[in-house]
Amino acid sequence: MSITVRPSSARGHAHHGWLDTWHSFSFAHYFDPRHMGFRSLRVINEDVVAPKTGFPQHGHRDMEILTYIIEGRLEHRDSAGGHSVIGPGEVQRMTAGSGIRHSEMNPASDQAVKLLQIWLLPEREGLEPGYEQTLFPDAAKRNRLCLIAAPDGAEGALTLRQNARVYAARLEAGRSLEHVIAHGRGVWLQMVAGTLEVNGIALAAGDGAAVEGEDALRLVAGDEAEFLLFDLG
């Protein structure tokens, strides 16, 4: 049984002027063979994108991509004709599949956008590309694990093409939650804000934790905590 903490300060980091980015796993010019992902979870980047800048159109294949907005707004366009602007509490899912091109830009002139960009390996290669987005309001995440992505799109979640269930929560100071882990599954926790104890182990904003061999997690907030929980097959 183990819980391995990935401290925020130990992540890969790059500052490109328009983009300040932290990598939980190897990505782009940051490479660490000890941190190549966790099960099907391949990328967690914490990005801060300056006003009127962003990621110009580029291509992806064979990846399930989730974008979780923390602050600000992000404008999405893709080669399948998709166009939307998403804000705090909204999550987008893009299946890159057999190939898709997209751009993600900050349309604001006076506010940065802060987000988590998340990649998971798909259940198989060559899937049909697709896109969807959903608002998960604070009330849905307040003191509970709100399912935001799942293989069957259960409970209004985004439909994920992988044996993974992704939850978001905002836990008030002193409040607690429990999460039961089915046999053979692992969990990755990613902190967004605040402080949290996970089976007695302290986590702070930006920290991650890999969980293997545990039957359940007891999550207790110190300061108000916002976090994502990935339950992975």
C-alpha atoms as a PDB file:
ATOM      1  CA  MET A   1       0.000   0.000   0.000  1.00  0.00           C
ATOM      2  CA  SER A   2       1.409   3.404  -0.881  1.00  0.00           C
ATOM      3  CA  ILE A   3       0.668   7.068  -1.363  1.00  0.00           C
ATOM      4  CA  THR A   4       3.465   8.852  -3.223  1.00  0.00           C
ATOM      5  CA  VAL A   5       3.375  12.652  -3.171  1.00  0.00           C
ATOM      6  CA  ARG A   6       4.455  14.661  -6.219  1.00  0.00           C
ATOM      7  CA  PRO A   7       5.218  18.081  -4.682  1.00  0.00           C
ATOM      8  CA  SER A   8       4.211  21.171  -6.625  1.00  0.00           C
ATOM      9  CA  SER A   9       7.761  22.534  -6.479  1.00  0.00           C
ATOM     10  CA  ALA A  10       9.212  19.353  -7.998  1.00  0.00           C
ATOM     11  CA  ARG A  11       7.178  19.608 -11.217  1.00  0.00           C
ATOM     12  CA  GLY A  12       8.697  20.606 -14.521  1.00  0.00           C
ATOM     13  CA  HIS A  13       8.367  24.333 -15.212  1.00  0.00           C
ATOM     14  CA  ALA A  14       8.644  26.620 -18.225  1.00  0.00           C
ATOM     15  CA  HIS A  15       7.903  30.321 -18.680  1.00  0.00           C
ATOM     16  CA  HIS A  16       7.447  31.464 -22.261  1.00  0.00           C
ATOM     17  CA  GLY A  17       6.273  35.003 -21.531  1.00  0.00           C
ATOM     18  CA  TRP A  18       2.729  34.402 -22.744  1.00  0.00           C
ATOM     19  CA  LEU A  19       2.552  31.018 -20.956  1.00  0.00           C
ATOM     20  CA  ASP A  20       3.602  30.018 -17.432  1.00  0.00           C
ATOM     21  CA  THR A  21       3.287  26.239 -17.200  1.00  0.00           C
ATOM     22  CA  TRP A  22       3.938  23.493 -14.654  1.00  0.00           C
ATOM     23  CA  HIS A  23       4.149  19.808 -15.693  1.00  0.00           C
ATOM     24  CA  SER A  24       3.303  16.984 -13.284  1.00  0.00           C
ATOM     25  CA  PHE A  25       4.597  14.501 -15.884  1.00  0.00           C
ATOM     26  CA  SER A  26       7.140  14.668 -18.695  1.00  0.00           C
ATOM     27  CA  PHE A  27       5.937  17.013 -21.421  1.00  0.00           C
ATOM     28  CA  ALA A  28       7.487  18.995 -24.295  1.00  0.00           C
ATOM     29  CA  HIS A  29      11.055  19.973 -23.301  1.00  0.00           C
ATOM     30  CA  TYR A  30      10.643  18.640 -19.759  1.00  0.00           C
ATOM     31  CA  PHE A  31      11.654  14.972 -19.533  1.00  0.00           C
ATOM     32  CA  ASP A  32      12.027  12.859 -16.402  1.00  0.00           C
ATOM     33  CA  PRO A  33      11.867   9.066 -16.891  1.00  0.00           C
ATOM     34  CA  ARG A  34      10.594   8.719 -13.297  1.00  0.00           C
ATOM     35  CA  HIS A  35       7.523  10.797 -14.140  1.00  0.00           C
ATOM     36  CA  MET A  36       6.008   9.650 -17.437  1.00  0.00           C
ATOM     37  CA  GLY A  37       2.418   9.409 -16.233  1.00  0.00           C
ATOM     38  CA  PHE A  38       0.312   7.265 -13.943  1.00  0.00           C
ATOM     39  CA  ARG A  39      -1.619   4.373 -15.449  1.00  0.00           C
ATOM     40  CA  SER A  40      -3.669   5.865 -18.321  1.00  0.00           C
ATOM     41  CA  LEU A  41      -3.080   9.434 -17.065  1.00  0.00           C
ATOM     42  CA  ARG A  42      -0.333  10.899 -19.246  1.00  0.00           C
ATOM     43  CA  VAL A  43      -0.363  14.713 -18.798  1.00  0.00           C
ATOM     44  CA  ILE A  44      -1.403  17.205 -16.123  1.00  0.00           C
ATOM     45  CA  ASN A  45      -0.251  20.722 -16.960  1.00  0.00           C
ATOM     46  CA  GLU A  46      -1.155  23.744 -14.857  1.00  0.00           C
ATOM     47  CA  ASP A  47      -1.170  26.594 -17.390  1.00  0.00           C
ATOM     48  CA  VAL A  48      -1.505  30.350 -16.945  1.00  0.00           C
ATOM     49  CA  VAL A  49      -2.098  32.014 -20.333  1.00  0.00           C
ATOM     50  CA  ALA A  50      -1.640  35.769 -20.719  1.00  0.00           C
ATOM     51  CA  PRO A  51      -4.404  37.987 -22.196  1.00  0.00           C
ATOM     52  CA  LYS A  52      -4.919  37.902 -25.963  1.00  0.00           C
ATOM     53  CA  THR A  53      -2.549  34.949 -26.391  1.00  0.00           C
ATOM     54  CA  GLY A  54      -2.845  31.174 -26.386  1.00  0.00           C
ATOM     55  CA  PHE A  55      -2.195  27.986 -28.282  1.00  0.00           C
ATOM     56  CA  PRO A  56      -2.587  28.532 -32.052  1.00  0.00           C
ATOM     57  CA  GLN A  57      -4.042  25.770 -34.171  1.00  0.00           C
ATOM     58  CA  HIS A  58      -2.137  22.509 -33.848  1.00  0.00           C
ATOM     59  CA  GLY A  59      -2.872  18.811 -34.203  1.00  0.00           C
ATOM     60  CA  HIS A  60      -3.334  15.833 -31.881  1.00  0.00           C
ATOM     61  CA  ARG A  61      -3.999  12.133 -32.356  1.00  0.00           C
ATOM     62  CA  ASP A  62      -5.074   9.289 -30.090  1.00  0.00           C
ATOM     63  CA  MET A  63      -5.537  11.136 -26.822  1.00  0.00           C
ATOM     64  CA  GLU A  64      -8.451  11.997 -24.536  1.00  0.00           C
ATOM     65  CA  ILE A  65      -7.949  15.658 -23.551  1.00  0.00           C
ATOM     66  CA  LEU A  66      -9.737  17.370 -20.659  1.00  0.00           C
ATOM     67  CA  THR A  67      -9.484  21.092 -19.925  1.00  0.00           C
ATOM     68  CA  TYR A  68     -10.511  22.273 -16.444  1.00  0.00           C
ATOM     69  CA  ILE A  69     -10.866  26.055 -16.106  1.00  0.00           C
ATOM     70  CA  ILE A  70      -9.801  27.559 -12.764  1.00  0.00           C
ATOM     71  CA  GLU A  71      -9.865  31.310 -13.538  1.00  0.00           C
ATOM     72  CA  GLY A  72     -10.637  33.371 -16.645  1.00  0.00           C
ATOM     73  CA  ARG A  73     -12.025  32.196 -19.976  1.00  0.00           C
ATOM     74  CA  LEU A  74     -10.711  30.126 -22.892  1.00  0.00           C
ATOM     75  CA  GLU A  75     -11.886  30.159 -26.513  1.00  0.00           C
ATOM     76  CA  HIS A  76     -11.838  26.822 -28.347  1.00  0.00           C
ATOM     77  CA  ARG A  77     -11.946  26.217 -32.104  1.00  0.00           C
ATOM     78  CA  ASP A  78     -11.360  22.922 -33.891  1.00  0.00           C
ATOM     79  CA  SER A  79     -11.190  21.453 -37.364  1.00  0.00           C
ATOM     80  CA  ALA A  80     -14.508  19.641 -36.859  1.00  0.00           C
ATOM     81  CA  GLY A  81     -16.298  23.005 -36.679  1.00  0.00           C
ATOM     82  CA  GLY A  82     -16.459  23.264 -32.905  1.00  0.00           C
ATOM     83  CA  HIS A  83     -16.339  26.746 -31.379  1.00  0.00           C
ATOM     84  CA  SER A  84     -17.005  27.715 -27.760  1.00  0.00           C
ATOM     85  CA  VAL A  85     -15.817  29.860 -24.874  1.00  0.00           C
ATOM     86  CA  ILE A  86     -15.523  28.165 -21.485  1.00  0.00           C
ATOM     87  CA  GLY A  87     -15.141  29.733 -18.056  1.00  0.00           C
ATOM     88  CA  PRO A  88     -14.691  28.732 -14.399  1.00  0.00           C
ATOM     89  CA  GLY A  89     -16.463  25.515 -13.498  1.00  0.00           C
ATOM     90  CA  GLU A  90     -16.647  24.398 -17.116  1.00  0.00           C
ATOM     91  CA  VAL A  91     -14.804  21.356 -18.414  1.00  0.00           C
ATOM     92  CA  GLN A  92     -14.214  20.384 -22.023  1.00  0.00           C
ATOM     93  CA  ARG A  93     -13.448  16.927 -23.392  1.00  0.00           C
ATOM     94  CA  MET A  94     -11.821  16.484 -26.786  1.00  0.00           C
ATOM     95  CA  THR A  95     -11.250  13.071 -28.304  1.00  0.00           C
ATOM     96  CA  ALA A  96      -8.308  13.550 -30.666  1.00  0.00           C
ATOM     97  CA  GLY A  97      -8.749  10.039 -32.063  1.00  0.00           C
ATOM     98  CA  SER A  98      -7.795   9.640 -35.724  1.00  0.00           C
ATOM     99  CA  GLY A  99      -6.732  13.296 -35.815  1.00  0.00           C
ATOM    100  CA  ILE A 100      -8.026  16.767 -34.999  1.00  0.00           C
ATOM    101  CA  ARG A 101      -6.632  20.293 -35.137  1.00  0.00           C
ATOM    102  CA  HIS A 102      -7.621  22.914 -32.588  1.00  0.00           C
ATOM    103  CA  SER A 103      -6.691  26.229 -30.995  1.00  0.00           C
ATOM    104  CA  GLU A 104      -7.162  27.395 -27.394  1.00  0.00           C
ATOM    105  CA  MET A 105      -6.909  31.181 -26.905  1.00  0.00           C
ATOM    106  CA  ASN A 106      -7.467  33.637 -24.070  1.00  0.00           C
ATOM    107  CA  PRO A 107      -9.952  36.157 -25.512  1.00  0.00           C
ATOM    108  CA  ALA A 108      -9.675  38.632 -22.606  1.00  0.00           C
ATOM    109  CA  SER A 109      -7.643  41.817 -22.873  1.00  0.00           C
ATOM    110  CA  ASP A 110      -7.067  42.237 -19.122  1.00  0.00           C
ATOM    111  CA  GLN A 111      -7.167  38.838 -17.409  1.00  0.00           C
ATOM    112  CA  ALA A 112      -5.021  35.722 -17.582  1.00  0.00           C
ATOM    113  CA  VAL A 113      -6.720  32.324 -17.827  1.00  0.00           C
ATOM    114  CA  LYS A 114      -5.612  29.560 -15.470  1.00  0.00           C
ATOM    115  CA  LEU A 115      -6.420  25.966 -16.299  1.00  0.00           C
ATOM    116  CA  LEU A 116      -5.454  22.331 -15.964  1.00  0.00           C
ATOM    117  CA  GLN A 117      -4.776  20.564 -19.249  1.00  0.00           C
ATOM    118  CA  ILE A 118      -5.153  16.810 -18.810  1.00  0.00           C
ATOM    119  CA  TRP A 119      -4.381  14.004 -21.252  1.00  0.00           C
ATOM    120  CA  LEU A 120      -5.382  10.367 -20.875  1.00  0.00           C
ATOM    121  CA  LEU A 121      -4.511   7.536 -23.220  1.00  0.00           C
ATOM    122  CA  PRO A 122      -7.653   6.329 -25.059  1.00  0.00           C
ATOM    123  CA  GLU A 123      -9.119   2.849 -24.856  1.00  0.00           C
ATOM    124  CA  ARG A 124      -7.903   2.249 -28.415  1.00  0.00           C
ATOM    125  CA  GLU A 125      -6.345   4.139 -31.308  1.00  0.00           C
ATOM    126  CA  GLY A 126      -8.218   5.596 -34.270  1.00  0.00           C
ATOM    127  CA  LEU A 127     -11.381   6.718 -32.471  1.00  0.00           C
ATOM    128  CA  GLU A 128     -13.667   9.213 -34.183  1.00  0.00           C
ATOM    129  CA  PRO A 129     -12.718  12.739 -33.042  1.00  0.00           C
ATOM    130  CA  GLY A 130     -15.249  14.483 -30.819  1.00  0.00           C
ATOM    131  CA  TYR A 131     -15.823  17.422 -28.471  1.00  0.00           C
ATOM    132  CA  GLU A 132     -18.153  18.300 -25.615  1.00  0.00           C
ATOM    133  CA  GLN A 133     -18.253  20.686 -22.676  1.00  0.00           C
ATOM    134  CA  THR A 134     -20.296  20.906 -19.489  1.00  0.00           C
ATOM    135  CA  LEU A 135     -20.645  23.327 -16.592  1.00  0.00           C
ATOM    136  CA  PHE A 136     -20.184  21.783 -13.154  1.00  0.00           C
ATOM    137  CA  PRO A 137     -21.257  24.570 -10.765  1.00  0.00           C
ATOM    138  CA  ASP A 138     -19.714  25.043  -7.337  1.00  0.00           C
ATOM    139  CA  ALA A 139     -22.851  23.705  -5.691  1.00  0.00           C
ATOM    140  CA  ALA A 140     -22.373  20.349  -7.440  1.00  0.00           C
ATOM    141  CA  LYS A 141     -18.804  20.083  -6.095  1.00  0.00           C
ATOM    142  CA  ARG A 142     -19.365  21.523  -2.620  1.00  0.00           C
ATOM    143  CA  ASN A 143     -18.386  18.911  -0.006  1.00  0.00           C
ATOM    144  CA  ARG A 144     -18.850  16.046  -2.440  1.00  0.00           C
ATOM    145  CA  LEU A 145     -17.045  14.269  -5.238  1.00  0.00           C
ATOM    146  CA  CYS A 146     -18.733  15.433  -8.442  1.00  0.00           C
ATOM    147  CA  LEU A 147     -18.245  13.064 -11.381  1.00  0.00           C
ATOM    148  CA  ILE A 148     -17.029  15.174 -14.326  1.00  0.00           C
ATOM    149  CA  ALA A 149     -15.850  12.480 -16.795  1.00  0.00           C
ATOM    150  CA  ALA A 150     -16.617   8.776 -17.073  1.00  0.00           C
ATOM    151  CA  PRO A 151     -16.749   6.036 -19.739  1.00  0.00           C
ATOM    152  CA  ASP A 152     -20.546   5.992 -19.824  1.00  0.00           C
ATOM    153  CA  GLY A 153     -21.165   9.710 -19.300  1.00  0.00           C
ATOM    154  CA  ALA A 154     -23.006   8.820 -16.079  1.00  0.00           C
ATOM    155  CA  GLU A 155     -24.561  11.477 -13.827  1.00  0.00           C
ATOM    156  CA  GLY A 156     -24.217  14.147 -16.509  1.00  0.00           C
ATOM    157  CA  ALA A 157     -20.455  13.656 -16.792  1.00  0.00           C
ATOM    158  CA  LEU A 158     -18.457  14.093 -19.967  1.00  0.00           C
ATOM    159  CA  THR A 159     -18.035  10.850 -21.907  1.00  0.00           C
ATOM    160  CA  LEU A 160     -14.474   9.583 -21.612  1.00  0.00           C
ATOM    161  CA  ARG A 161     -13.121   6.859 -23.899  1.00  0.00           C
ATOM    162  CA  GLN A 162     -11.007   5.185 -21.226  1.00  0.00           C
ATOM    163  CA  ASN A 163     -11.557   3.090 -18.084  1.00  0.00           C
ATOM    164  CA  ALA A 164     -11.255   6.133 -15.846  1.00  0.00           C
ATOM    165  CA  ARG A 165     -13.591   8.196 -13.699  1.00  0.00           C
ATOM    166  CA  VAL A 166     -12.665  11.795 -12.918  1.00  0.00           C
ATOM    167  CA  TYR A 167     -14.132  13.716  -9.985  1.00  0.00           C
ATOM    168  CA  ALA A 168     -13.891  17.354  -8.870  1.00  0.00           C
ATOM    169  CA  ALA A 169     -14.539  18.602  -5.342  1.00  0.00           C
ATOM    170  CA  ARG A 170     -14.489  21.802  -3.287  1.00  0.00           C
ATOM    171  CA  LEU A 171     -14.234  20.792   0.350  1.00  0.00           C
ATOM    172  CA  GLU A 172     -14.863  23.366   3.086  1.00  0.00           C
ATOM    173  CA  ALA A 173     -12.301  23.722   5.878  1.00  0.00           C
ATOM    174  CA  GLY A 174     -12.594  20.868   8.345  1.00  0.00           C
ATOM    175  CA  ARG A 175     -14.979  18.829   6.191  1.00  0.00           C
ATOM    176  CA  SER A 176     -14.165  15.299   5.041  1.00  0.00           C
ATOM    177  CA  LEU A 177     -15.017  12.828   2.294  1.00  0.00           C
ATOM    178  CA  GLU A 178     -14.324   9.148   1.724  1.00  0.00           C
ATOM    179  CA  HIS A 179     -13.620   7.431  -1.576  1.00  0.00           C
ATOM    180  CA  VAL A 180     -13.664   3.641  -1.855  1.00  0.00           C
ATOM    181  CA  ILE A 181     -11.148   2.195  -4.325  1.00  0.00           C
ATOM    182  CA  ALA A 182     -12.133  -1.013  -6.122  1.00  0.00           C
ATOM    183  CA  HIS A 183      -9.602  -3.843  -6.168  1.00  0.00           C
ATOM    184  CA  GLY A 184      -6.911  -3.385  -8.801  1.00  0.00           C
ATOM    185  CA  ARG A 185      -7.574   0.304  -9.392  1.00  0.00           C
ATOM    186  CA  GLY A 186      -5.306   3.254  -8.629  1.00  0.00           C
ATOM    187  CA  VAL A 187      -6.002   6.893  -7.831  1.00  0.00           C
ATOM    188  CA  TRP A 188      -4.237  10.125  -8.702  1.00  0.00           C
ATOM    189  CA  LEU A 189      -5.144  13.225  -6.685  1.00  0.00           C
ATOM    190  CA  GLN A 190      -4.337  16.675  -8.098  1.00  0.00           C
ATOM    191  CA  MET A 191      -4.642  19.700  -5.846  1.00  0.00           C
ATOM    192  CA  VAL A 192      -5.974  22.933  -7.351  1.00  0.00           C
ATOM    193  CA  ALA A 193      -6.158  25.116  -4.223  1.00  0.00           C
ATOM    194  CA  GLY A 194      -6.062  24.916  -0.431  1.00  0.00           C
ATOM    195  CA  THR A 195      -4.771  22.086   1.761  1.00  0.00           C
ATOM    196  CA  LEU A 196      -5.913  18.501   2.175  1.00  0.00           C
ATOM    197  CA  GLU A 197      -4.964  15.421   4.189  1.00  0.00           C
ATOM    198  CA  VAL A 198      -5.176  12.124   2.317  1.00  0.00           C
ATOM    199  CA  ASN A 199      -5.122   9.214   4.775  1.00  0.00           C
ATOM    200  CA  GLY A 200      -3.131  11.525   7.033  1.00  0.00           C
ATOM    201  CA  ILE A 201      -0.687  12.728   4.348  1.00  0.00           C
ATOM    202  CA  ALA A 202      -0.668  16.495   3.751  1.00  0.00           C
ATOM    203  CA  LEU A 203      -1.138  17.997   0.286  1.00  0.00           C
ATOM    204  CA  ALA A 204      -1.138  21.663  -0.765  1.00  0.00           C
ATOM    205  CA  ALA A 205      -2.006  23.588  -3.937  1.00  0.00           C
ATOM    206  CA  GLY A 206      -0.261  22.143  -6.997  1.00  0.00           C
ATOM    207  CA  ASP A 207       0.701  18.874  -5.295  1.00  0.00           C
ATOM    208  CA  GLY A 208      -0.252  15.512  -6.750  1.00  0.00           C
ATOM    209  CA  ALA A 209      -0.367  12.060  -5.189  1.00  0.00           C
ATOM    210  CA  ALA A 210      -0.300   8.558  -6.671  1.00  0.00           C
ATOM    211  CA  VAL A 211      -2.272   5.990  -4.695  1.00  0.00           C
ATOM    212  CA  GLU A 212      -1.791   2.229  -5.134  1.00  0.00           C
ATOM    213  CA  GLY A 213      -3.004  -0.672  -3.017  1.00  0.00           C
ATOM    214  CA  GLU A 214      -5.320   1.331  -0.754  1.00  0.00           C
ATOM    215  CA  ASP A 215      -8.915   0.203  -0.143  1.00  0.00           C
ATOM    216  CA  ALA A 216     -10.233   3.701   0.572  1.00  0.00           C
ATOM    217  CA  LEU A 217      -9.199   7.319   0.955  1.00  0.00           C
ATOM    218  CA  ARG A 218     -10.217   9.662   3.742  1.00  0.00           C
ATOM    219  CA  LEU A 219      -9.942  13.241   2.507  1.00  0.00           C
ATOM    220  CA  VAL A 220      -9.934  16.016   5.117  1.00  0.00           C
ATOM    221  CA  ALA A 221      -9.668  19.700   4.193  1.00  0.00           C
ATOM    222  CA  GLY A 222      -7.445  22.068   6.157  1.00  0.00           C
ATOM    223  CA  ASP A 223      -8.041  25.339   4.354  1.00  0.00           C
ATOM    224  CA  GLU A 224     -10.839  25.075   1.819  1.00  0.00           C
ATOM    225  CA  ALA A 225      -9.562  22.570  -0.749  1.00  0.00           C
ATOM    226  CA  GLU A 226     -10.285  22.233  -4.465  1.00  0.00           C
ATOM    227  CA  PHE A 227      -8.971  19.099  -6.134  1.00  0.00           C
ATOM    228  CA  LEU A 228      -9.439  16.507  -8.864  1.00  0.00           C
ATOM    229  CA  LEU A 229      -9.525  12.768  -8.202  1.00  0.00           C
ATOM    230  CA  PHE A 230      -8.742  10.305 -11.007  1.00  0.00           C
ATOM    231  CA  ASP A 231      -9.933   6.716 -10.378  1.00  0.00           C
ATOM    232  CA  LEU A 232      -8.010   4.658 -12.936  1.00  0.00           C
ATOM    233  CA  GLY A 233      -8.238   1.057 -14.115  1.00  0.00           C
END
